[in-house]
Structures are given as structure tokens and as C-alpha cells.
């Protein structure tokens, strides 16, 4: 999936992947997509909660080779 911006949060634990995603989304326009690559297993649950709390749309989550990929659409 194409994303307008991608951030690498490998090796970071909660809450750092969320904080980096929040900062990246703040710099983006409505409708743009952000891909976050993380290694923290808790990030799946964290990004689901983050999307509900902020109104950004979580459009995809997948696990590939032990990495957790989250794609969000900026509200």
C-alpha cells in the first residue's frame, strides 16, 4: 500500500511509536496516509486506541516478519 509518509519506530517501546506518529500526523494534510513500522507487540493495541481517541482512521494493520505495520489516514 502506498503511504504519503513513512516512519520507522523499530526498537522503540510504548509510548514512543504513538508519539512519533502523532507528531508526523500533525505535519500532514487531511486525507494523507502515514505508515508506521514498529517492533513493539503492544503497538497493535496502542494504534487501535490512538485512532479511536484522535479520530484518525486506522486503515490497515499487519505483521510481517515480526514487525508491526500500521497505516493511518489523517482526519
N, C-alpha and C. Protein backbone atom coordinates (compact mmCIF):
# COMPACT_ATOMS: atom_id res chain seq x y z
N UNK A 1 0.83 -1.18 0.00
CA UNK A 1 0.00 0.00 0.00
C UNK A 1 0.88 1.25 0.00
N UNK A 2 0.54 2.21 -0.82
CA UNK A 2 1.27 3.47 -0.87
C UNK A 2 0.88 4.34 0.32
N UNK A 3 1.88 4.94 0.96
CA UNK A 3 1.62 5.89 2.04
C UNK A 3 2.32 7.20 1.69
N UNK A 4 1.70 8.30 2.07
CA UNK A 4 2.28 9.61 1.80
C UNK A 4 3.55 9.84 2.61
N UNK A 5 3.60 9.22 3.79
CA UNK A 5 4.76 9.37 4.67
C UNK A 5 4.95 8.07 5.43
N UNK A 6 6.21 7.73 5.72
CA UNK A 6 6.50 6.52 6.48
C UNK A 6 7.48 6.86 7.59
N UNK A 7 7.22 6.31 8.79
CA UNK A 7 8.16 6.49 9.89
C UNK A 7 8.57 5.13 10.43
N UNK A 8 9.82 5.05 10.84
CA UNK A 8 10.41 3.82 11.36
C UNK A 8 10.54 3.95 12.87
N UNK A 9 9.77 3.15 13.60
CA UNK A 9 9.85 3.18 15.05
C UNK A 9 10.37 1.84 15.59
N UNK A 10 11.11 1.12 14.76
CA UNK A 10 11.68 -0.17 15.20
C UNK A 10 12.57 0.06 16.42
N UNK A 11 12.44 -0.84 17.39
CA UNK A 11 13.27 -0.76 18.58
C UNK A 11 12.72 0.16 19.66
N UNK A 12 11.66 0.89 19.36
CA UNK A 12 11.06 1.80 20.35
C UNK A 12 9.85 1.14 21.00
N UNK A 13 9.69 1.39 22.28
CA UNK A 13 8.54 0.84 23.01
C UNK A 13 7.56 1.95 23.36
N UNK A 14 6.35 1.52 23.70
CA UNK A 14 5.29 2.44 24.08
C UNK A 14 5.80 3.43 25.11
N UNK A 15 5.48 4.68 25.00
CA UNK A 15 4.56 5.31 24.05
C UNK A 15 5.25 5.94 22.84
N UNK A 16 6.54 5.68 22.63
CA UNK A 16 7.28 6.39 21.58
C UNK A 16 6.73 6.22 20.17
N UNK A 17 6.33 5.01 19.73
CA UNK A 17 5.75 4.92 18.37
C UNK A 17 4.51 5.81 18.20
N UNK A 18 3.67 5.87 19.23
CA UNK A 18 2.46 6.71 19.17
C UNK A 18 2.85 8.19 19.12
N UNK A 19 3.80 8.59 19.94
CA UNK A 19 4.22 9.99 19.97
C UNK A 19 4.82 10.42 18.64
N UNK A 20 5.62 9.56 18.03
CA UNK A 20 6.22 9.88 16.73
C UNK A 20 5.13 9.94 15.65
N UNK A 21 4.15 9.05 15.73
CA UNK A 21 3.05 9.07 14.76
C UNK A 21 2.22 10.34 14.93
N UNK A 22 1.96 10.73 16.17
CA UNK A 22 1.18 11.93 16.44
C UNK A 22 1.88 13.16 15.85
N UNK A 23 3.19 13.25 16.03
CA UNK A 23 3.96 14.37 15.50
C UNK A 23 3.93 14.37 13.97
N UNK A 24 4.10 13.20 13.37
CA UNK A 24 4.08 13.10 11.91
C UNK A 24 2.72 13.48 11.34
N UNK A 25 1.64 13.01 11.98
CA UNK A 25 0.29 13.32 11.51
C UNK A 25 0.00 14.82 11.60
N UNK A 26 0.54 15.47 12.61
CA UNK A 26 0.32 16.91 12.79
C UNK A 26 0.90 17.71 11.63
N UNK A 27 1.92 17.15 10.98
CA UNK A 27 2.58 17.83 9.86
C UNK A 27 1.94 17.49 8.51
N UNK A 28 0.92 16.63 8.53
CA UNK A 28 0.31 16.15 7.29
C UNK A 28 -1.04 16.82 7.05
N UNK A 29 -1.52 16.70 5.82
CA UNK A 29 -2.82 17.27 5.45
C UNK A 29 -3.92 16.23 5.60
N UNK A 30 -5.14 16.70 5.73
CA UNK A 30 -6.30 15.82 5.82
C UNK A 30 -6.32 14.85 4.64
N UNK A 31 -6.56 13.57 4.94
CA UNK A 31 -6.66 12.56 3.89
C UNK A 31 -5.36 11.88 3.54
N UNK A 32 -4.23 12.44 3.96
CA UNK A 32 -2.95 11.80 3.67
C UNK A 32 -2.78 10.57 4.57
N UNK A 33 -1.93 9.64 4.14
CA UNK A 33 -1.74 8.41 4.89
C UNK A 33 -0.33 8.33 5.45
N UNK A 34 -0.24 7.72 6.64
CA UNK A 34 1.02 7.55 7.35
C UNK A 34 1.21 6.06 7.62
N UNK A 35 2.39 5.55 7.26
CA UNK A 35 2.74 4.16 7.54
C UNK A 35 3.75 4.17 8.68
N UNK A 36 3.47 3.39 9.71
CA UNK A 36 4.36 3.28 10.86
C UNK A 36 4.84 1.83 10.95
N UNK A 37 6.16 1.64 10.99
CA UNK A 37 6.75 0.31 11.15
C UNK A 37 7.29 0.22 12.57
N UNK A 38 6.81 -0.76 13.32
CA UNK A 38 7.18 -0.89 14.73
C UNK A 38 7.57 -2.34 15.04
N UNK A 39 8.31 -2.51 16.14
CA UNK A 39 8.66 -3.85 16.60
C UNK A 39 8.01 -4.16 17.96
N UNK A 40 7.33 -3.20 18.54
CA UNK A 40 6.67 -3.37 19.83
C UNK A 40 5.34 -4.11 19.63
N UNK A 41 5.22 -5.34 20.19
CA UNK A 41 3.97 -6.09 20.01
C UNK A 41 2.74 -5.35 20.53
N UNK A 42 2.91 -4.50 21.53
CA UNK A 42 1.79 -3.74 22.07
C UNK A 42 1.32 -2.63 21.15
N UNK A 43 2.08 -2.36 20.10
CA UNK A 43 1.72 -1.25 19.21
C UNK A 43 0.40 -1.51 18.47
N UNK A 44 0.06 -2.77 18.25
CA UNK A 44 -1.20 -3.07 17.56
C UNK A 44 -2.37 -2.52 18.37
N UNK A 45 -2.40 -2.85 19.63
CA UNK A 45 -3.47 -2.36 20.51
C UNK A 45 -3.37 -0.85 20.69
N UNK A 46 -2.14 -0.35 20.83
CA UNK A 46 -1.94 1.09 21.05
C UNK A 46 -2.47 1.92 19.88
N UNK A 47 -2.20 1.47 18.65
CA UNK A 47 -2.66 2.24 17.49
C UNK A 47 -4.17 2.16 17.31
N UNK A 48 -4.78 1.05 17.72
CA UNK A 48 -6.24 0.97 17.67
C UNK A 48 -6.85 2.00 18.62
N UNK A 49 -6.31 2.10 19.82
CA UNK A 49 -6.81 3.06 20.80
C UNK A 49 -6.52 4.49 20.35
N UNK A 50 -5.33 4.71 19.79
CA UNK A 50 -4.94 6.04 19.32
C UNK A 50 -5.91 6.53 18.24
N UNK A 51 -6.26 5.64 17.31
CA UNK A 51 -7.17 6.03 16.22
C UNK A 51 -8.54 6.41 16.78
N UNK A 52 -9.04 5.63 17.73
CA UNK A 52 -10.35 5.95 18.33
C UNK A 52 -10.32 7.29 19.06
N UNK A 53 -9.24 7.54 19.78
CA UNK A 53 -9.14 8.76 20.59
C UNK A 53 -8.95 10.01 19.75
N UNK A 54 -8.26 9.89 18.62
CA UNK A 54 -7.90 11.08 17.84
C UNK A 54 -8.80 11.31 16.63
N UNK A 55 -9.56 10.29 16.22
CA UNK A 55 -10.41 10.44 15.05
C UNK A 55 -9.70 10.17 13.73
N UNK A 56 -8.40 9.83 13.81
CA UNK A 56 -7.70 9.41 12.60
C UNK A 56 -8.13 7.99 12.29
N UNK A 57 -8.16 7.64 11.00
CA UNK A 57 -8.66 6.33 10.60
C UNK A 57 -7.51 5.33 10.50
N UNK A 58 -7.64 4.22 11.20
CA UNK A 58 -6.67 3.13 11.11
C UNK A 58 -7.13 2.26 9.94
N UNK A 59 -6.44 2.36 8.81
CA UNK A 59 -6.93 1.67 7.61
C UNK A 59 -6.29 0.32 7.38
N UNK A 60 -5.17 0.05 8.05
CA UNK A 60 -4.55 -1.26 7.85
C UNK A 60 -3.60 -1.55 9.00
N UNK A 61 -3.56 -2.82 9.41
CA UNK A 61 -2.57 -3.31 10.37
C UNK A 61 -2.16 -4.69 9.91
N UNK A 62 -0.86 -4.95 9.90
CA UNK A 62 -0.40 -6.29 9.57
C UNK A 62 0.93 -6.56 10.26
N UNK A 63 1.23 -7.84 10.39
CA UNK A 63 2.51 -8.26 10.97
C UNK A 63 3.29 -8.97 9.89
N UNK A 64 4.52 -8.50 9.66
CA UNK A 64 5.39 -9.08 8.63
C UNK A 64 6.76 -9.32 9.25
N UNK A 65 7.17 -10.58 9.32
CA UNK A 65 8.49 -10.94 9.84
C UNK A 65 8.78 -10.31 11.20
N UNK A 66 7.80 -10.35 12.09
CA UNK A 66 8.00 -9.83 13.44
C UNK A 66 7.89 -8.32 13.56
N UNK A 67 7.55 -7.66 12.47
CA UNK A 67 7.37 -6.21 12.50
C UNK A 67 5.89 -5.89 12.34
N UNK A 68 5.46 -4.85 13.02
CA UNK A 68 4.05 -4.47 13.02
C UNK A 68 3.89 -3.21 12.18
N UNK A 69 3.05 -3.30 11.18
CA UNK A 69 2.85 -2.19 10.24
C UNK A 69 1.45 -1.62 10.44
N UNK A 70 1.40 -0.33 10.64
CA UNK A 70 0.13 0.37 10.88
C UNK A 70 0.01 1.48 9.84
N UNK A 71 -1.16 1.58 9.23
CA UNK A 71 -1.39 2.66 8.26
C UNK A 71 -2.59 3.46 8.74
N UNK A 72 -2.36 4.76 8.89
CA UNK A 72 -3.40 5.67 9.37
C UNK A 72 -3.69 6.72 8.33
N UNK A 73 -4.97 7.14 8.26
CA UNK A 73 -5.36 8.25 7.39
C UNK A 73 -5.65 9.46 8.27
N UNK A 74 -5.01 10.56 7.95
CA UNK A 74 -5.15 11.81 8.73
C UNK A 74 -6.58 12.33 8.62
N UNK A 75 -7.15 12.68 9.77
CA UNK A 75 -8.51 13.22 9.78
C UNK A 75 -8.52 14.64 9.28
